[in-house]
Amino acid sequence: MSSTLLRTSGFRSALRASTAPKRAGIAGATFIRGKATLPDLTYDYGALEPAISGKIMELHHKNHHQTYVTSFNNFSEQIAEAKAKEDIAAQIALQPLINFHGGGHINHTLFWENLAPTSQGGGQPPAGGLAKAINESYGSLDALKEKFNAALAGIQGSGWAWLVQDTQTGAVGIKTYANQDAVVGQFRPILGIDAWEHAYYLQYQNRKAEYFKNIWDVVNWKAAEKRFQ
């Protein structure tokens, strides 16, 4: 992403802030007056190279994530209309679409926060309570990465692998989710990696294991530490 794009991105953020009277965050996602909005990145599209190419980041953010945002808003309007008409059948039919595109928005918003250029701390190991929890559950960070990558490789089709925290026990663990299913309920999302082909294929093609290995070089563990409780 060029400096011009960055400036445009910053202007877009300022414009949103000045025109939106109410803003609320849900699981890292941004909503204005009930509408989801595409979050700006805090780094240049090319800043994660060579782990993730700038072209992938641009397409992933501007195209794929934007589609989830647009679709979520559209289907949200449709389900509101169905509720107003007391059309229960239509509400039932629309709910899976709300879940899919809303999950895509939330998951990707967390994903961008999960990443950082090496110049901004990307790849630096976790510290504090999260590091202790990882060691207690997996023995070491390297052991966690190995099991996490195995979980990613085991996803059939599209999905995500997440380091989650059990809200009842406080322990961390690895869970996989199909498609755009969001981490909700008993588990809190700490760190997620996108295993959809659009996240890596343009650069890695059929070598997705190489993508899973290299992405750890730009994982933002500081963001993960903030989610850990």
Protein backbone atom coordinates (compact mmCIF):
# COMPACT_ATOMS: atom_id res chain seq x y z
CA MET A 1 0.00 0.00 0.00
CA SER A 2 1.50 3.31 -1.05
CA SER A 3 1.91 6.29 1.22
CA THR A 4 -0.92 7.91 -0.76
CA LEU A 5 -3.19 5.02 0.11
CA LEU A 6 -2.14 5.27 3.72
CA ARG A 7 -3.00 8.94 3.77
CA THR A 8 -6.32 8.17 2.10
CA SER A 9 -6.91 5.44 4.65
CA GLY A 10 -6.21 7.86 7.47
CA PHE A 11 -8.54 10.43 5.94
CA ARG A 12 -11.26 7.83 5.66
CA SER A 13 -10.88 7.05 9.37
CA ALA A 14 -11.07 10.72 10.28
CA LEU A 15 -14.14 11.18 8.09
CA ARG A 16 -15.87 8.27 9.77
CA ALA A 17 -15.06 9.67 13.19
CA SER A 18 -16.40 13.10 12.31
CA THR A 19 -19.63 11.91 10.70
CA ALA A 20 -20.60 9.01 12.94
CA PRO A 21 -22.30 10.08 16.17
CA LYS A 22 -22.05 6.65 17.73
CA ARG A 23 -19.44 3.93 17.34
CA ALA A 24 -19.36 0.59 19.08
CA GLY A 25 -16.83 -2.23 18.96
CA ILE A 26 -17.83 -5.89 19.04
CA ALA A 27 -14.99 -8.43 19.30
CA GLY A 28 -12.63 -6.04 17.53
CA ALA A 29 -15.08 -5.34 14.71
CA THR A 30 -16.27 -1.81 14.01
CA PHE A 31 -19.95 -0.88 13.68
CA ILE A 32 -21.43 2.56 13.04
CA ARG A 33 -25.17 3.04 13.59
CA GLY A 34 -25.59 -0.72 13.35
CA LYS A 35 -23.55 -1.00 10.14
CA ALA A 36 -20.25 -2.81 9.93
CA THR A 37 -17.34 -0.90 8.41
CA LEU A 38 -14.04 -2.05 6.96
CA PRO A 39 -11.31 -1.33 9.55
CA ASP A 40 -8.16 0.47 8.46
CA LEU A 41 -4.86 -1.33 8.85
CA THR A 42 -2.17 0.12 11.09
CA TYR A 43 0.58 -0.92 8.67
CA ASP A 44 1.31 -0.78 4.95
CA TYR A 45 0.06 -3.64 2.78
CA GLY A 46 3.64 -4.56 1.91
CA ALA A 47 4.95 -4.28 5.47
CA LEU A 48 4.51 -8.00 6.22
CA GLU A 49 6.73 -9.18 3.36
CA PRO A 50 8.25 -11.68 2.79
CA ALA A 51 5.89 -13.63 5.05
CA ILE A 52 2.78 -12.26 3.32
CA SER A 53 2.99 -10.36 0.06
CA GLY A 54 1.59 -6.87 -0.29
CA LYS A 55 -0.65 -7.96 -3.15
CA ILE A 56 -2.27 -10.66 -1.01
CA MET A 57 -2.80 -8.21 1.84
CA GLU A 58 -4.40 -5.66 -0.48
CA LEU A 59 -6.77 -8.18 -2.08
CA HIS A 60 -7.52 -9.85 1.24
CA HIS A 61 -8.34 -6.58 2.97
CA LYS A 62 -9.91 -4.40 0.26
CA ASN A 63 -11.76 -7.16 -1.62
CA HIS A 64 -12.47 -10.18 0.57
CA HIS A 65 -13.03 -8.43 3.88
CA GLN A 66 -15.01 -5.65 2.23
CA THR A 67 -17.32 -8.27 0.70
CA TYR A 68 -18.08 -9.68 4.15
CA VAL A 69 -18.82 -6.17 5.44
CA THR A 70 -21.09 -5.27 2.52
CA SER A 71 -22.94 -8.58 2.62
CA PHE A 72 -23.42 -8.47 6.39
CA ASN A 73 -24.95 -5.02 6.15
CA ASN A 74 -27.22 -6.05 3.27
CA PHE A 75 -28.49 -9.18 4.98
CA SER A 76 -28.91 -7.30 8.26
CA GLU A 77 -31.24 -4.86 6.51
CA GLN A 78 -33.17 -7.74 4.98
CA ILE A 79 -33.60 -9.53 8.29
CA ALA A 80 -34.75 -6.28 9.93
CA GLU A 81 -37.40 -5.97 7.22
CA ALA A 82 -38.43 -9.59 7.77
CA LYS A 83 -38.77 -8.94 11.50
CA ALA A 84 -40.89 -5.87 10.85
CA LYS A 85 -43.17 -8.00 8.66
CA GLU A 86 -43.11 -10.82 11.24
CA ASP A 87 -41.89 -13.12 8.47
CA ILE A 88 -40.34 -15.87 10.57
CA ALA A 89 -39.45 -18.09 7.61
CA ALA A 90 -37.43 -15.30 6.00
CA GLN A 91 -35.65 -14.60 9.28
CA ILE A 92 -34.65 -18.26 9.59
CA ALA A 93 -33.42 -18.33 5.99
CA LEU A 94 -31.33 -15.18 6.46
CA GLN A 95 -29.70 -16.08 9.78
CA PRO A 96 -27.01 -18.40 8.33
CA LEU A 97 -25.98 -15.60 5.95
CA ILE A 98 -25.79 -13.14 8.85
CA ASN A 99 -23.64 -15.61 10.78
CA PHE A 100 -21.32 -16.29 7.83
CA HIS A 101 -20.66 -12.72 6.75
CA GLY A 102 -20.71 -11.32 10.28
CA GLY A 103 -18.22 -14.02 11.29
CA GLY A 104 -16.08 -13.15 8.28
CA HIS A 105 -16.00 -9.52 9.39
CA ILE A 106 -15.17 -10.28 13.02
CA ASN A 107 -12.58 -12.94 12.16
CA HIS A 108 -10.75 -10.75 9.68
CA THR A 109 -10.80 -7.72 11.97
CA LEU A 110 -9.09 -9.80 14.64
CA PHE A 111 -6.72 -11.27 12.04
CA TRP A 112 -5.37 -7.86 10.96
CA GLU A 113 -4.72 -7.06 14.62
CA ASN A 114 -2.96 -10.42 14.98
CA LEU A 115 -0.31 -9.31 12.50
CA ALA A 116 2.47 -6.73 12.69
CA PRO A 117 5.64 -5.94 10.73
CA THR A 118 8.83 -7.15 12.38
CA SER A 119 9.77 -3.47 12.84
CA GLN A 120 6.66 -3.13 15.02
CA GLY A 121 7.21 -6.24 17.08
CA GLY A 122 5.88 -8.88 14.72
CA GLY A 123 7.24 -12.31 15.62
CA GLN A 124 8.39 -11.32 19.10
CA PRO A 125 7.32 -14.01 21.60
CA PRO A 126 4.52 -13.45 24.09
CA ALA A 127 5.20 -12.45 27.66
CA GLY A 128 3.44 -12.33 31.00
CA GLY A 129 0.33 -14.36 31.71
CA LEU A 130 -0.16 -15.53 28.14
CA ALA A 131 3.36 -16.92 27.92
CA LYS A 132 2.83 -18.74 31.21
CA ALA A 133 -0.50 -20.18 30.02
CA ILE A 134 1.08 -21.40 26.77
CA ASN A 135 3.92 -23.08 28.65
CA GLU A 136 1.46 -24.72 31.03
CA SER A 137 -0.67 -26.11 28.19
CA TYR A 138 2.00 -26.90 25.58
CA GLY A 139 5.40 -26.83 27.27
CA SER A 140 6.86 -24.13 25.04
CA LEU A 141 5.98 -21.64 22.31
CA ASP A 142 7.64 -23.84 19.68
CA ALA A 143 5.49 -26.77 20.75
CA LEU A 144 2.39 -24.59 20.45
CA LYS A 145 3.36 -23.51 16.95
CA GLU A 146 3.90 -27.14 15.92
CA LYS A 147 0.47 -28.21 17.18
CA PHE A 148 -1.17 -25.08 15.78
CA ASN A 149 0.28 -25.71 12.32
CA ALA A 150 -0.87 -29.33 12.48
CA ALA A 151 -4.37 -28.09 13.29
CA LEU A 152 -4.25 -25.67 10.36
CA ALA A 153 -3.09 -28.42 8.00
CA GLY A 154 -5.94 -30.63 9.17
CA ILE A 155 -8.66 -28.17 8.14
CA GLN A 156 -10.61 -29.65 5.26
CA GLY A 157 -11.67 -26.91 2.89
CA SER A 158 -11.86 -23.40 4.36
CA GLY A 159 -11.62 -22.34 7.96
CA TRP A 160 -9.54 -20.94 10.80
CA ALA A 161 -7.40 -22.17 13.66
CA TRP A 162 -7.53 -20.21 16.89
CA LEU A 163 -5.68 -20.06 20.15
CA VAL A 164 -8.60 -19.61 22.52
CA GLN A 165 -9.04 -19.08 26.23
CA ASP A 166 -11.66 -21.04 28.10
CA THR A 167 -13.70 -18.42 29.94
CA GLN A 168 -14.56 -20.95 32.65
CA THR A 169 -11.10 -22.34 33.43
CA GLY A 170 -8.79 -19.63 32.04
CA ALA A 171 -6.72 -22.24 30.18
CA VAL A 172 -5.66 -21.76 26.57
CA GLY A 173 -6.12 -24.29 23.80
CA ILE A 174 -6.22 -24.71 20.03
CA LYS A 175 -9.55 -25.00 18.23
CA THR A 176 -10.44 -25.07 14.54
CA TYR A 177 -13.56 -23.52 13.06
CA ALA A 178 -15.09 -24.18 9.64
CA ASN A 179 -15.67 -21.44 7.07
CA GLN A 180 -16.27 -18.13 8.91
CA ASP A 181 -17.65 -19.49 12.17
CA ALA A 182 -16.74 -17.03 14.92
CA VAL A 183 -15.25 -17.85 18.32
CA VAL A 184 -18.15 -17.22 20.70
CA GLY A 185 -19.69 -18.62 23.84
CA GLN A 186 -17.40 -20.46 26.23
CA PHE A 187 -14.21 -19.52 24.41
CA ARG A 188 -12.48 -16.17 23.92
CA PRO A 189 -10.42 -15.64 20.73
CA ILE A 190 -6.76 -14.90 21.51
CA LEU A 191 -4.98 -15.48 18.20
CA GLY A 192 -6.35 -16.66 14.85
CA ILE A 193 -4.81 -17.69 11.54
CA ASP A 194 -6.79 -17.70 8.32
CA ALA A 195 -6.59 -21.01 6.43
CA TRP A 196 -8.77 -19.95 3.50
CA GLU A 197 -6.98 -20.17 0.14
CA HIS A 198 -7.42 -16.44 -0.48
CA ALA A 199 -5.08 -15.81 2.47
CA TYR A 200 -2.09 -17.46 0.83
CA TYR A 201 -2.65 -18.99 -2.63
CA LEU A 202 -1.49 -16.05 -4.77
CA GLN A 203 1.94 -16.27 -3.10
CA TYR A 204 2.29 -19.85 -1.86
CA GLN A 205 -0.03 -21.73 -4.26
CA ASN A 206 -0.22 -25.35 -3.03
CA ARG A 207 2.52 -24.84 -0.41
CA LYS A 208 0.16 -23.84 2.38
CA ALA A 209 2.38 -25.48 5.00
CA GLU A 210 5.03 -22.88 4.08
CA TYR A 211 2.48 -20.11 4.69
CA PHE A 212 1.59 -21.59 8.07
CA LYS A 213 5.28 -21.67 9.00
CA ASN A 214 6.16 -18.17 7.78
CA ILE A 215 3.20 -16.30 9.24
CA TRP A 216 4.62 -16.75 12.75
CA ASP A 217 7.33 -14.26 11.74
CA VAL A 218 4.71 -11.50 11.72
CA VAL A 219 2.35 -12.62 14.49
CA ASN A 220 1.54 -9.76 16.84
CA TRP A 221 1.71 -11.41 20.25
CA LYS A 222 1.21 -8.06 21.99
CA ALA A 223 -2.32 -7.91 20.55
CA ALA A 224 -2.89 -11.48 21.72
CA GLU A 225 -1.69 -10.57 25.22
CA LYS A 226 -4.32 -7.82 25.41
CA ARG A 227 -7.10 -10.35 24.70
CA PHE A 228 -5.87 -12.80 27.30
CA GLN A 229 -7.56 -12.40 30.69
